[in-house]
Protein backbone atom coordinates (compact mmCIF):
# COMPACT_ATOMS: atom_id res chain seq x y z
CA UNK A 1 -167.31 206.16 -83.17
CA UNK A 2 -170.97 205.11 -82.69
CA UNK A 3 -170.04 201.43 -82.94
CA UNK A 4 -167.49 201.90 -79.96
CA UNK A 5 -170.28 203.41 -77.75
CA UNK A 6 -172.58 200.91 -78.73
CA UNK A 7 -170.18 198.00 -77.52
CA UNK A 8 -169.81 199.59 -74.04
CA UNK A 9 -173.67 199.86 -73.82
CA UNK A 10 -174.15 196.56 -74.39
CA UNK A 11 -171.63 195.29 -72.12
CA UNK A 12 -172.78 197.22 -69.40
CA UNK A 13 -176.30 196.26 -69.99
CA UNK A 14 -175.02 192.46 -69.81
CA UNK A 15 -173.15 193.01 -66.86
CA UNK A 16 -175.89 194.87 -64.86
CA UNK A 17 -178.36 191.95 -65.99
CA UNK A 18 -175.95 189.35 -64.26
CA UNK A 19 -175.62 191.48 -60.62
CA UNK A 20 -179.68 192.11 -60.93
CA UNK A 21 -179.84 188.21 -61.20
CA UNK A 22 -178.09 187.83 -58.11
CA UNK A 23 -180.00 190.06 -56.42
CA UNK A 24 -183.20 188.59 -57.30
CA UNK A 25 -182.20 185.59 -55.38
CA UNK A 26 -181.03 187.11 -52.47
CA UNK A 27 -184.44 188.79 -52.15
CA UNK A 28 -186.06 185.18 -51.86
CA UNK A 29 -183.48 184.62 -49.12
CA UNK A 30 -184.28 187.13 -47.17
CA UNK A 31 -187.54 186.94 -47.38
CA UNK A 32 -187.57 183.06 -45.86
CA UNK A 33 -185.17 184.15 -43.24
CA UNK A 34 -187.61 187.12 -41.92
CA UNK A 35 -190.42 185.05 -41.87
CA UNK A 36 -188.49 182.17 -39.75
CA UNK A 37 -187.48 184.55 -37.49
CA UNK A 38 -190.82 186.27 -37.08
CA UNK A 39 -192.29 182.75 -36.25
CA UNK A 40 -189.55 182.11 -33.46
CA UNK A 41 -190.49 185.34 -31.89
CA UNK A 42 -188.66 188.13 -33.47
CA UNK A 43 -190.54 191.31 -33.51
CA UNK A 44 -192.68 191.10 -36.58
CA UNK A 45 -192.23 194.88 -37.80
CA UNK A 46 -188.57 194.50 -38.26
CA UNK A 47 -189.16 191.29 -40.24
CA UNK A 48 -191.81 192.90 -42.61
CA UNK A 49 -189.47 195.76 -42.86
CA UNK A 50 -186.67 194.11 -44.22
CA UNK A 51 -188.79 192.42 -46.97
CA UNK A 52 -190.55 195.53 -48.12
CA UNK A 53 -186.83 197.22 -48.48
CA UNK A 54 -185.75 194.31 -50.68
CA UNK A 55 -188.92 194.39 -52.86
CA UNK A 56 -188.31 198.01 -53.51
CA UNK A 57 -184.90 197.52 -54.26
CA UNK A 58 -185.80 194.99 -56.65
CA UNK A 59 -188.22 196.83 -58.57
CA UNK A 60 -185.49 199.48 -58.99
CA UNK A 61 -182.88 197.45 -60.84
CA UNK A 62 -185.63 196.06 -62.88
CA UNK A 63 -186.14 199.19 -64.29
CA UNK A 64 -182.42 200.11 -64.75
CA UNK A 65 -182.18 196.75 -66.80
CA UNK A 66 -185.22 198.15 -69.01
CA UNK A 67 -183.66 201.51 -69.60
CA UNK A 68 -180.10 199.97 -70.45
CA UNK A 69 -181.71 197.63 -72.99
CA UNK A 70 -183.74 200.65 -74.67
CA UNK A 71 -180.28 202.60 -74.83
CA UNK A 72 -178.75 199.73 -76.62
CA UNK A 73 -181.47 199.29 -79.18
CA UNK A 74 -181.56 202.85 -80.06
CA UNK A 75 -177.58 203.22 -80.22
CA UNK A 76 -177.77 200.17 -82.42
CA UNK A 77 -180.36 201.96 -85.10
CA UNK A 78 -178.35 204.99 -85.21
CA UNK A 79 -175.21 203.13 -85.69
CA UNK A 80 -176.93 201.49 -88.95
CA UNK A 81 -178.10 204.91 -90.35
CA UNK A 82 -175.12 206.54 -89.80
CA UNK A 83 -173.52 203.97 -91.75
CA UNK A 84 -176.08 203.70 -94.65
CA UNK A 85 -176.45 207.20 -95.14
CA UNK A 86 -172.87 207.93 -94.99
CA UNK A 87 -172.13 205.35 -97.73
CA UNK A 88 -174.84 206.86 -100.01
CA UNK A 89 -173.42 210.55 -99.77
CA UNK A 90 -169.94 208.81 -100.52
CA UNK A 91 -170.99 207.55 -104.16
CA UNK A 92 -174.77 207.83 -104.56
CA UNK A 93 -175.04 206.28 -107.85
CA UNK A 94 -173.37 203.11 -106.60
CA UNK A 95 -177.18 202.44 -105.82
CA UNK A 96 -180.29 201.45 -107.81
CA UNK A 97 -183.48 203.13 -107.49
CA UNK A 98 -186.71 203.51 -109.55
CA UNK A 99 -185.97 207.06 -111.44
CA UNK A 100 -188.57 209.90 -112.50
CA UNK A 101 -187.88 211.25 -116.31
CA UNK A 102 -184.76 210.36 -117.91
CA UNK A 103 -183.19 207.42 -116.00
CA UNK A 104 -179.79 208.17 -117.78
CA UNK A 105 -179.61 211.62 -116.30
CA UNK A 106 -176.92 212.22 -113.73
CA UNK A 107 -177.65 214.85 -111.00
CA UNK A 108 -175.10 216.24 -108.50
CA UNK A 109 -176.75 215.40 -105.52
CA UNK A 110 -175.34 217.99 -103.12
CA UNK A 111 -177.95 219.05 -100.57
CA UNK A 112 -178.78 216.68 -97.35
CA UNK A 113 -180.73 216.96 -94.55
CA UNK A 114 -182.14 214.55 -91.89
CA UNK A 115 -186.00 214.55 -90.93
CA UNK A 116 -188.35 212.37 -88.82
CA UNK A 117 -190.90 211.37 -91.06
CA UNK A 118 -192.36 208.35 -89.91
CA UNK A 119 -191.65 208.57 -86.14
CA UNK A 120 -189.86 205.65 -85.59
CA UNK A 121 -186.42 207.56 -83.85
CA UNK A 122 -184.42 206.60 -86.84
CA UNK A 123 -184.12 209.56 -89.20
CA UNK A 124 -184.76 209.74 -92.72
CA UNK A 125 -182.56 211.91 -95.24
CA UNK A 126 -183.84 214.08 -97.88
CA UNK A 127 -181.48 214.75 -100.75
CA UNK A 128 -181.58 217.14 -103.52
CA UNK A 129 -179.32 218.86 -106.10
CA UNK A 130 -179.18 222.52 -104.97
CA UNK A 131 -178.10 224.37 -107.92
CA UNK A 132 -179.89 222.44 -110.90
CA UNK A 133 -183.34 221.29 -112.11
CA UNK A 134 -183.73 218.39 -114.32
CA UNK A 135 -183.38 219.60 -118.14
CA UNK A 136 -186.04 216.42 -119.09
CA UNK A 137 -188.88 218.07 -117.31
CA UNK A 138 -187.63 221.04 -115.51
CA UNK A 139 -188.67 219.76 -112.03
CA UNK A 140 -186.38 219.67 -108.77
CA UNK A 141 -185.76 216.57 -108.10
CA UNK A 142 -185.31 214.98 -104.47
CA UNK A 143 -184.36 211.69 -103.03
CA UNK A 144 -186.18 210.61 -99.52
CA UNK A 145 -184.01 207.68 -97.89
CA UNK A 146 -185.07 205.51 -95.26
CA UNK A 147 -182.63 203.03 -93.37
CA UNK A 148 -185.09 199.64 -93.14
CA UNK A 149 -184.40 196.16 -91.97
CA UNK A 150 -183.88 195.02 -95.38
CA UNK A 151 -181.33 197.84 -96.15
CA UNK A 152 -181.59 201.19 -97.75
CA UNK A 153 -184.75 202.33 -99.62
CA UNK A 154 -184.45 205.31 -102.04
CA UNK A 155 -187.23 207.14 -103.35
CA UNK A 156 -187.21 209.87 -106.07
CA UNK A 157 -189.77 212.59 -106.00
CA UNK A 158 -189.87 216.15 -107.95
CA UNK A 159 -191.85 219.23 -107.70
CA UNK A 160 -191.19 222.67 -109.01
CA UNK A 161 -192.63 223.97 -112.42
CA UNK A 162 -192.66 221.71 -115.29
CA UNK A 163 -190.89 222.89 -118.78
CA UNK A 164 -194.43 222.15 -120.61
CA UNK A 165 -195.99 224.54 -117.62
CA UNK A 166 -198.64 222.41 -117.17
CA UNK A 167 -197.80 221.72 -113.53
CA UNK A 168 -196.63 224.07 -110.88
CA UNK A 169 -196.32 222.32 -107.18
CA UNK A 170 -194.79 221.90 -103.82
CA UNK A 171 -193.84 218.67 -102.14
CA UNK A 172 -194.68 218.74 -98.12
CA UNK A 173 -194.09 216.47 -95.42
CA UNK A 174 -195.63 215.90 -91.88
CA UNK A 175 -193.03 214.97 -89.21
CA UNK A 176 -193.80 212.04 -87.44
CA UNK A 177 -196.69 210.98 -89.57
CA UNK A 178 -195.24 209.28 -92.69
CA UNK A 179 -197.53 211.43 -94.64
CA UNK A 180 -195.93 213.31 -98.00
CA UNK A 181 -198.49 215.46 -100.12
CA UNK A 182 -198.17 217.60 -102.92
CA UNK A 183 -200.12 220.75 -103.36
CA UNK A 184 -200.37 221.72 -107.29
CA UNK A 185 -201.92 223.96 -109.97
CA UNK A 186 -202.29 223.42 -113.58
CA UNK A 187 -202.77 225.12 -116.90
CA UNK A 188 -204.21 226.34 -118.59
CA UNK A 189 -206.78 227.61 -115.59
CA UNK A 190 -204.73 227.24 -112.59
CA UNK A 191 -207.04 224.22 -111.06
CA UNK A 192 -206.18 223.05 -107.68
CA UNK A 193 -204.62 219.78 -107.33
CA UNK A 194 -203.80 217.38 -104.36
CA UNK A 195 -201.82 214.10 -104.13
CA UNK A 196 -201.40 211.91 -100.87
CA UNK A 197 -198.19 209.76 -100.37
CA UNK A 198 -197.45 207.50 -97.34
CA UNK A 199 -194.25 206.13 -95.95
CA UNK A 200 -194.69 202.20 -95.75
CA UNK A 201 -191.32 200.29 -94.56
CA UNK A 202 -189.42 202.91 -96.35
CA UNK A 203 -191.25 203.18 -99.88
CA UNK A 204 -193.45 206.20 -100.40
CA UNK A 205 -196.62 204.60 -101.70
CA UNK A 206 -199.37 206.97 -103.68
CA UNK A 207 -202.57 206.99 -101.93
CA UNK A 208 -205.21 208.87 -103.46
CA UNK A 209 -205.58 212.45 -105.09
CA UNK A 210 -207.98 215.21 -105.68
CA UNK A 211 -208.58 218.04 -108.10
CA UNK A 212 -210.70 220.51 -109.88
CA UNK A 213 -211.68 219.99 -113.25
CA UNK A 214 -212.74 223.15 -115.18
CA UNK A 215 -215.38 223.04 -117.63
CA UNK A 216 -213.60 224.53 -120.77
CA UNK A 217 -216.95 224.83 -122.81
CA UNK A 218 -217.97 227.25 -120.43
CA UNK A 219 -215.14 229.81 -121.46
CA UNK A 220 -214.47 232.57 -119.24
CA UNK A 221 -216.40 230.63 -116.53
CA UNK A 222 -214.65 227.36 -116.93
CA UNK A 223 -213.72 227.61 -113.26
CA UNK A 224 -217.14 228.68 -112.23
CA UNK A 225 -218.77 225.62 -114.01
CA UNK A 226 -216.25 223.04 -113.16
CA UNK A 227 -216.36 220.17 -110.46
CA UNK A 228 -214.55 219.21 -107.61
CA UNK A 229 -213.31 215.79 -107.22
CA UNK A 230 -211.91 213.55 -104.76
CA UNK A 231 -210.52 210.27 -106.49
CA UNK A 232 -213.42 209.60 -108.79
CA UNK A 233 -216.03 210.78 -106.46
CA UNK A 234 -217.41 214.50 -106.94
CA UNK A 235 -217.59 216.56 -103.76
CA UNK A 236 -218.32 219.95 -102.86
CA UNK A 237 -215.40 222.48 -102.83
CA UNK A 238 -216.29 222.39 -98.81
CA UNK A 239 -215.60 218.67 -98.76
CA UNK A 240 -212.42 219.18 -100.91
CA UNK A 241 -210.89 221.47 -98.49
CA UNK A 242 -212.08 219.38 -95.21
CA UNK A 243 -210.72 216.37 -96.81
CA UNK A 244 -207.18 218.01 -97.21
CA UNK A 245 -207.32 219.78 -93.86
CA UNK A 246 -207.69 216.22 -92.52
CA UNK A 247 -205.17 214.27 -93.96
CA UNK A 248 -202.66 217.56 -93.76
CA UNK A 249 -203.00 218.55 -90.56
CA UNK A 250 -204.37 221.72 -91.80
CA UNK A 251 -201.62 221.77 -94.40
CA UNK A 252 -199.11 222.23 -91.71
CA UNK A 253 -196.34 220.38 -93.50
CA UNK A 254 -192.85 221.49 -94.17
CA UNK A 255 -192.28 222.36 -97.67
CA UNK A 256 -189.33 220.37 -99.37
CA UNK A 257 -188.02 223.54 -101.26
CA UNK A 258 -187.84 225.58 -97.63
CA UNK A 259 -185.58 222.76 -95.91
CA UNK A 260 -181.97 223.86 -94.72
CA UNK A 261 -180.31 221.55 -96.77
CA UNK A 262 -176.35 220.89 -95.59
CA UNK A 263 -173.47 220.29 -98.07
CA UNK A 264 -171.79 217.18 -98.34
CA UNK A 265 -168.90 217.95 -95.82
CA UNK A 266 -171.37 219.36 -93.18
CA UNK A 267 -173.72 216.39 -93.46
CA UNK A 268 -170.77 213.95 -92.98
CA UNK A 269 -169.76 215.47 -89.89
CA UNK A 270 -173.33 215.72 -88.48
CA UNK A 271 -173.45 211.81 -89.26
CA UNK A 272 -170.34 211.21 -87.29
CA UNK A 273 -170.77 213.17 -84.18
C-alpha cells in the first residue's frame, strides 16, 4: 500500500522537475526579449513588469519541487519502517539480538507500540510481553527496535522488581531526544540510583550512572551517613538531583510500563494504514 503511493509521488516529482526545467529556460527568453523591446522604444514599465512576474513564478516552481522531493523522502522511510517492523512481528525469533538473562528463554512478545525516540521522523517500536515476566530474573523485558540504514537494530532492556529483591526500577524514554533512563532503588536500604542511556544509530548505549551509597556501619543512620555519587565522583544531594533533572528534562519521561501497548493484530493494522 505504501509502496504504491511512493511510486506515484516519485513519478510526480520527476515530471514536475522536467516541466519546471522548461520554465527556467522561458524565463531567460522573456527577460532578453523585454530588454530588447525597452531599448527599441517599448514602455520601460511594461518590460520590467513582465520580468518580475516571470521571476516570481520561477521561485514558486522551485519551492514546489523542494516540497515534492521531501514528500518522496518521507514516504520512502515510512515504507521501509512498515516492512521491517511487520516482518519482526510476524517472526521475532528469526532475528538475532543480545539478550538479557537466560539467552535460551523464549518470550511471547505480544505488546507493541510505535514511539518517536530520536526525533528523525521515522518511528521506533517498543515490544514487550504483556502477561509474563522472566522466570530467570523476575523482570519485565522490552525490545526497542529501530530501522536504520544498516538494517533493523534490536535492543533488549528490562525493569520491574528483580526476583532477588535487590533492584526495583522503571525505564523511561524522552520523546525526540534519544534518551532512555532508569530510576531505581536498591535493597536493603531503598537507596536511589539512576542510569542514563542514549540511542546512537539505533543502538541503545550506556552513558553514565549515579547512586546513593549508604553506610552500613552506621546502623539505623546508614542513609543519613551515606554518600551521593555521580559516576565515581562524590557529589551533594543537591548536585545529584540537579544533574538528574538536567538529563531527564525534570524527570518528564514516559514510563515503559505505562505505555498503551497494542496486540499483534492491532499493530499490523496500524502499520498497514
